PDB file of N, CA and C in Angstrom:
ATOM      1  N   UNK A   1     -13.776 -23.387  -4.262  1.00  0.00           N
ATOM      2  CA  UNK A   1     -14.993 -22.793  -3.793  1.00  0.00           C
ATOM      3  C   UNK A   1     -15.914 -22.649  -5.003  1.00  0.00           C
ATOM      4  N   UNK A   2     -17.169 -22.962  -4.805  1.00  0.00           N
ATOM      5  CA  UNK A   2     -18.178 -22.836  -5.849  1.00  0.00           C
ATOM      6  C   UNK A   2     -19.425 -22.216  -5.264  1.00  0.00           C
ATOM      7  N   UNK A   3     -20.124 -21.423  -6.054  1.00  0.00           N
ATOM      8  CA  UNK A   3     -21.368 -20.864  -5.561  1.00  0.00           C
ATOM      9  C   UNK A   3     -22.013 -19.938  -6.565  1.00  0.00           C
ATOM     10  N   UNK A   4     -23.042 -19.251  -6.092  1.00  0.00           N
ATOM     11  CA  UNK A   4     -23.773 -18.282  -6.897  1.00  0.00           C
ATOM     12  C   UNK A   4     -23.519 -16.900  -6.329  1.00  0.00           C
ATOM     13  N   UNK A   5     -23.203 -15.961  -7.198  1.00  0.00           N
ATOM     14  CA  UNK A   5     -22.892 -14.589  -6.789  1.00  0.00           C
ATOM     15  C   UNK A   5     -24.199 -13.865  -6.461  1.00  0.00           C
ATOM     16  N   UNK A   6     -24.579 -13.873  -5.168  1.00  0.00           N
ATOM     17  CA  UNK A   6     -25.868 -13.318  -4.745  1.00  0.00           C
ATOM     18  C   UNK A   6     -25.757 -12.024  -3.958  1.00  0.00           C
ATOM     19  N   UNK A   7     -24.542 -11.577  -3.674  1.00  0.00           N
ATOM     20  CA  UNK A   7     -24.357 -10.331  -2.930  1.00  0.00           C
ATOM     21  C   UNK A   7     -23.084  -9.648  -3.393  1.00  0.00           C
ATOM     22  N   UNK A   8     -22.876  -8.414  -2.960  1.00  0.00           N
ATOM     23  CA  UNK A   8     -21.678  -7.678  -3.346  1.00  0.00           C
ATOM     24  C   UNK A   8     -20.434  -8.410  -2.854  1.00  0.00           C
ATOM     25  N   UNK A   9     -19.487  -8.609  -3.763  1.00  0.00           N
ATOM     26  CA  UNK A   9     -18.235  -9.294  -3.444  1.00  0.00           C
ATOM     27  C   UNK A   9     -17.140  -8.677  -4.282  1.00  0.00           C
ATOM     28  N   UNK A  10     -16.018  -8.353  -3.670  1.00  0.00           N
ATOM     29  CA  UNK A  10     -14.891  -7.715  -4.347  1.00  0.00           C
ATOM     30  C   UNK A  10     -15.343  -6.435  -5.054  1.00  0.00           C
ATOM     31  N   UNK A  11     -16.326  -5.748  -4.472  1.00  0.00           N
ATOM     32  CA  UNK A  11     -16.816  -4.494  -5.033  1.00  0.00           C
ATOM     33  C   UNK A  11     -17.778  -4.650  -6.200  1.00  0.00           C
ATOM     34  N   UNK A  12     -18.157  -5.881  -6.522  1.00  0.00           N
ATOM     35  CA  UNK A  12     -19.052  -6.143  -7.652  1.00  0.00           C
ATOM     36  C   UNK A  12     -20.419  -6.528  -7.103  1.00  0.00           C
ATOM     37  N   UNK A  13     -21.466  -5.810  -7.539  1.00  0.00           N
ATOM     38  CA  UNK A  13     -22.810  -6.132  -7.070  1.00  0.00           C
ATOM     39  C   UNK A  13     -23.251  -7.483  -7.634  1.00  0.00           C
ATOM     40  N   UNK A  14     -24.219  -8.089  -6.981  1.00  0.00           N
ATOM     41  CA  UNK A  14     -24.677  -9.436  -7.322  1.00  0.00           C
ATOM     42  C   UNK A  14     -25.036  -9.560  -8.797  1.00  0.00           C
ATOM     43  N   UNK A  15     -24.532 -10.624  -9.432  1.00  0.00           N
ATOM     44  CA  UNK A  15     -24.801 -10.874 -10.852  1.00  0.00           C
ATOM     45  C   UNK A  15     -25.684 -12.101 -11.055  1.00  0.00           C
ATOM     46  N   UNK A  16     -25.760 -12.950 -10.043  1.00  0.00           N
ATOM     47  CA  UNK A  16     -26.481 -14.211 -10.185  1.00  0.00           C
ATOM     48  C   UNK A  16     -25.672 -15.278 -10.904  1.00  0.00           C
ATOM     49  N   UNK A  17     -24.437 -14.944 -11.293  1.00  0.00           N
ATOM     50  CA  UNK A  17     -23.573 -15.889 -12.008  1.00  0.00           C
ATOM     51  C   UNK A  17     -23.130 -17.030 -11.099  1.00  0.00           C
ATOM     52  N   UNK A  18     -23.031 -18.233 -11.685  1.00  0.00           N
ATOM     53  CA  UNK A  18     -22.391 -19.354 -11.006  1.00  0.00           C
ATOM     54  C   UNK A  18     -20.890 -19.130 -11.129  1.00  0.00           C
ATOM     55  N   UNK A  19     -20.158 -19.225 -10.018  1.00  0.00           N
ATOM     56  CA  UNK A  19     -18.720 -18.961 -10.031  1.00  0.00           C
ATOM     57  C   UNK A  19     -17.965 -20.090  -9.345  1.00  0.00           C
ATOM     58  N   UNK A  20     -16.679 -20.183  -9.696  1.00  0.00           N
ATOM     59  CA  UNK A  20     -15.801 -21.187  -9.106  1.00  0.00           C
ATOM     60  C   UNK A  20     -14.436 -20.544  -8.911  1.00  0.00           C
ATOM     61  N   UNK A  21     -13.834 -20.754  -7.747  1.00  0.00           N
ATOM     62  CA  UNK A  21     -12.517 -20.185  -7.456  1.00  0.00           C
ATOM     63  C   UNK A  21     -11.596 -21.309  -7.009  1.00  0.00           C
ATOM     64  N   UNK A  22     -10.432 -21.357  -7.616  1.00  0.00           N
ATOM     65  CA  UNK A  22      -9.435 -22.366  -7.267  1.00  0.00           C
ATOM     66  C   UNK A  22      -8.353 -21.715  -6.419  1.00  0.00           C
ATOM     67  N   UNK A  23      -7.803 -22.477  -5.481  1.00  0.00           N
ATOM     68  CA  UNK A  23      -6.748 -21.957  -4.614  1.00  0.00           C
ATOM     69  C   UNK A  23      -5.830 -23.093  -4.183  1.00  0.00           C
ATOM     70  N   UNK A  24      -4.634 -22.703  -3.775  1.00  0.00           N
ATOM     71  CA  UNK A  24      -3.659 -23.641  -3.239  1.00  0.00           C
ATOM     72  C   UNK A  24      -3.198 -23.092  -1.900  1.00  0.00           C
ATOM     73  N   UNK A  25      -3.165 -23.933  -0.884  1.00  0.00           N
ATOM     74  CA  UNK A  25      -2.662 -23.537   0.437  1.00  0.00           C
ATOM     75  C   UNK A  25      -1.358 -24.282   0.693  1.00  0.00           C
ATOM     76  N   UNK A  26      -0.333 -23.534   1.075  1.00  0.00           N
ATOM     77  CA  UNK A  26       0.987 -24.114   1.349  1.00  0.00           C
ATOM     78  C   UNK A  26       1.363 -23.766   2.783  1.00  0.00           C
ATOM     79  N   UNK A  27       1.681 -24.779   3.571  1.00  0.00           N
ATOM     80  CA  UNK A  27       2.022 -24.567   4.973  1.00  0.00           C
ATOM     81  C   UNK A  27       3.410 -25.104   5.268  1.00  0.00           C
ATOM     82  N   UNK A  28       4.141 -24.399   6.127  1.00  0.00           N
ATOM     83  CA  UNK A  28       5.416 -24.894   6.657  1.00  0.00           C
ATOM     84  C   UNK A  28       5.157 -25.395   8.066  1.00  0.00           C
ATOM     85  N   UNK A  29       5.631 -26.598   8.352  1.00  0.00           N
ATOM     86  CA  UNK A  29       5.394 -27.214   9.656  1.00  0.00           C
ATOM     87  C   UNK A  29       6.732 -27.523  10.308  1.00  0.00           C
ATOM     88  N   UNK A  30       6.858 -27.100  11.557  1.00  0.00           N
ATOM     89  CA  UNK A  30       8.051 -27.404  12.352  1.00  0.00           C
ATOM     90  C   UNK A  30       7.605 -27.975  13.689  1.00  0.00           C
ATOM     91  N   UNK A  31       8.194 -29.067  14.088  1.00  0.00           N
ATOM     92  CA  UNK A  31       7.850 -29.728  15.352  1.00  0.00           C
ATOM     93  C   UNK A  31       6.350 -29.966  15.476  1.00  0.00           C
ATOM     94  N   UNK A  32       5.712 -30.335  14.360  1.00  0.00           N
ATOM     95  CA  UNK A  32       4.294 -30.661  14.380  1.00  0.00           C
ATOM     96  C   UNK A  32       3.363 -29.466  14.431  1.00  0.00           C
ATOM     97  N   UNK A  33       3.903 -28.245  14.286  1.00  0.00           N
ATOM     98  CA  UNK A  33       3.069 -27.040  14.339  1.00  0.00           C
ATOM     99  C   UNK A  33       3.232 -26.228  13.057  1.00  0.00           C
ATOM    100  N   UNK A  34       2.130 -25.629  12.610  1.00  0.00           N
ATOM    101  CA  UNK A  34       2.186 -24.745  11.446  1.00  0.00           C
ATOM    102  C   UNK A  34       2.879 -23.457  11.862  1.00  0.00           C
ATOM    103  N   UNK A  35       3.962 -23.114  11.164  1.00  0.00           N
ATOM    104  CA  UNK A  35       4.713 -21.899  11.492  1.00  0.00           C
ATOM    105  C   UNK A  35       4.584 -20.835  10.405  1.00  0.00           C
ATOM    106  N   UNK A  36       4.070 -21.235   9.250  1.00  0.00           N
ATOM    107  CA  UNK A  36       3.916 -20.283   8.151  1.00  0.00           C
ATOM    108  C   UNK A  36       2.880 -20.831   7.184  1.00  0.00           C
ATOM    109  N   UNK A  37       2.111 -19.944   6.583  1.00  0.00           N
ATOM    110  CA  UNK A  37       1.123 -20.381   5.611  1.00  0.00           C
ATOM    111  C   UNK A  37       0.918 -19.356   4.515  1.00  0.00           C
ATOM    112  N   UNK A  38       0.662 -19.848   3.318  1.00  0.00           N
ATOM    113  CA  UNK A  38       0.399 -18.989   2.166  1.00  0.00           C
ATOM    114  C   UNK A  38      -0.768 -19.576   1.385  1.00  0.00           C
ATOM    115  N   UNK A  39      -1.647 -18.707   0.905  1.00  0.00           N
ATOM    116  CA  UNK A  39      -2.749 -19.141   0.055  1.00  0.00           C
ATOM    117  C   UNK A  39      -2.655 -18.360  -1.247  1.00  0.00           C
ATOM    118  N   UNK A  40      -2.668 -19.084  -2.355  1.00  0.00           N
ATOM    119  CA  UNK A  40      -2.600 -18.472  -3.679  1.00  0.00           C
ATOM    120  C   UNK A  40      -3.889 -18.828  -4.405  1.00  0.00           C
ATOM    121  N   UNK A  41      -4.574 -17.804  -4.935  1.00  0.00           N
ATOM    122  CA  UNK A  41      -5.813 -18.070  -5.659  1.00  0.00           C
ATOM    123  C   UNK A  41      -5.887 -17.205  -6.909  1.00  0.00           C
ATOM    124  N   UNK A  42      -6.783 -17.561  -7.789  1.00  0.00           N
ATOM    125  CA  UNK A  42      -6.961 -16.865  -9.059  1.00  0.00           C
ATOM    126  C   UNK A  42      -8.042 -15.796  -8.909  1.00  0.00           C
ATOM    127  N   UNK A  43      -7.695 -14.673  -8.298  1.00  0.00           N
ATOM    128  CA  UNK A  43      -8.666 -13.595  -8.093  1.00  0.00           C
ATOM    129  C   UNK A  43      -9.119 -12.988  -9.415  1.00  0.00           C
ATOM    130  N   UNK A  44      -8.208 -12.894 -10.381  1.00  0.00           N
ATOM    131  CA  UNK A  44      -8.579 -12.354 -11.694  1.00  0.00           C
ATOM    132  C   UNK A  44      -9.615 -13.215 -12.382  1.00  0.00           C
ATOM    133  N   UNK A  45      -9.430 -14.531 -12.305  1.00  0.00           N
ATOM    134  CA  UNK A  45     -10.393 -15.450 -12.902  1.00  0.00           C
ATOM    135  C   UNK A  45     -11.757 -15.345 -12.244  1.00  0.00           C
ATOM    136  N   UNK A  46     -11.763 -15.181 -10.928  1.00  0.00           N
ATOM    137  CA  UNK A  46     -13.032 -15.018 -10.217  1.00  0.00           C
ATOM    138  C   UNK A  46     -13.699 -13.716 -10.630  1.00  0.00           C
ATOM    139  N   UNK A  47     -12.938 -12.639 -10.717  1.00  0.00           N
ATOM    140  CA  UNK A  47     -13.494 -11.342 -11.108  1.00  0.00           C
ATOM    141  C   UNK A  47     -14.102 -11.418 -12.509  1.00  0.00           C
ATOM    142  N   UNK A  48     -13.451 -12.140 -13.421  1.00  0.00           N
ATOM    143  CA  UNK A  48     -14.013 -12.324 -14.768  1.00  0.00           C
ATOM    144  C   UNK A  48     -15.364 -13.023 -14.705  1.00  0.00           C
ATOM    145  N   UNK A  49     -15.494 -14.016 -13.833  1.00  0.00           N
ATOM    146  CA  UNK A  49     -16.757 -14.738 -13.705  1.00  0.00           C
ATOM    147  C   UNK A  49     -17.849 -13.853 -13.109  1.00  0.00           C
ATOM    148  N   UNK A  50     -17.471 -12.967 -12.192  1.00  0.00           N
ATOM    149  CA  UNK A  50     -18.449 -12.087 -11.554  1.00  0.00           C
ATOM    150  C   UNK A  50     -18.971 -11.034 -12.526  1.00  0.00           C
ATOM    151  N   UNK A  51     -18.083 -10.529 -13.384  1.00  0.00           N
ATOM    152  CA  UNK A  51     -18.431  -9.392 -14.247  1.00  0.00           C
ATOM    153  C   UNK A  51     -18.686  -9.765 -15.699  1.00  0.00           C
ATOM    154  N   UNK A  52     -18.310 -10.980 -16.107  1.00  0.00           N
ATOM    155  CA  UNK A  52     -18.379 -11.406 -17.509  1.00  0.00           C
ATOM    156  C   UNK A  52     -17.515 -10.537 -18.413  1.00  0.00           C
ATOM    157  N   UNK A  53     -16.464  -9.921 -17.848  1.00  0.00           N
ATOM    158  CA  UNK A  53     -15.526  -9.101 -18.616  1.00  0.00           C
ATOM    159  C   UNK A  53     -14.115  -9.613 -18.355  1.00  0.00           C
ATOM    160  N   UNK A  54     -13.269  -9.654 -19.389  1.00  0.00           N
ATOM    161  CA  UNK A  54     -11.878 -10.085 -19.167  1.00  0.00           C
ATOM    162  C   UNK A  54     -11.124  -9.106 -18.282  1.00  0.00           C
ATOM    163  N   UNK A  55     -10.216  -9.630 -17.465  1.00  0.00           N
ATOM    164  CA  UNK A  55      -9.419  -8.753 -16.598  1.00  0.00           C
ATOM    165  C   UNK A  55      -8.090  -8.458 -17.235  1.00  0.00           C
TER     166      UNK A  55
END
């Protein structure tokens, strides 16, 4: 995901910063149907981009 921080997000007011968030989605499929899913993302890295402060 990429964009510009133009509104309050994760409790941080708009900074105007360009941000990028990486994520991985892992799904378990049985008989052609998704039965379980997990998404892992770098929330700390995104928060650093929003605030310009290390987490």
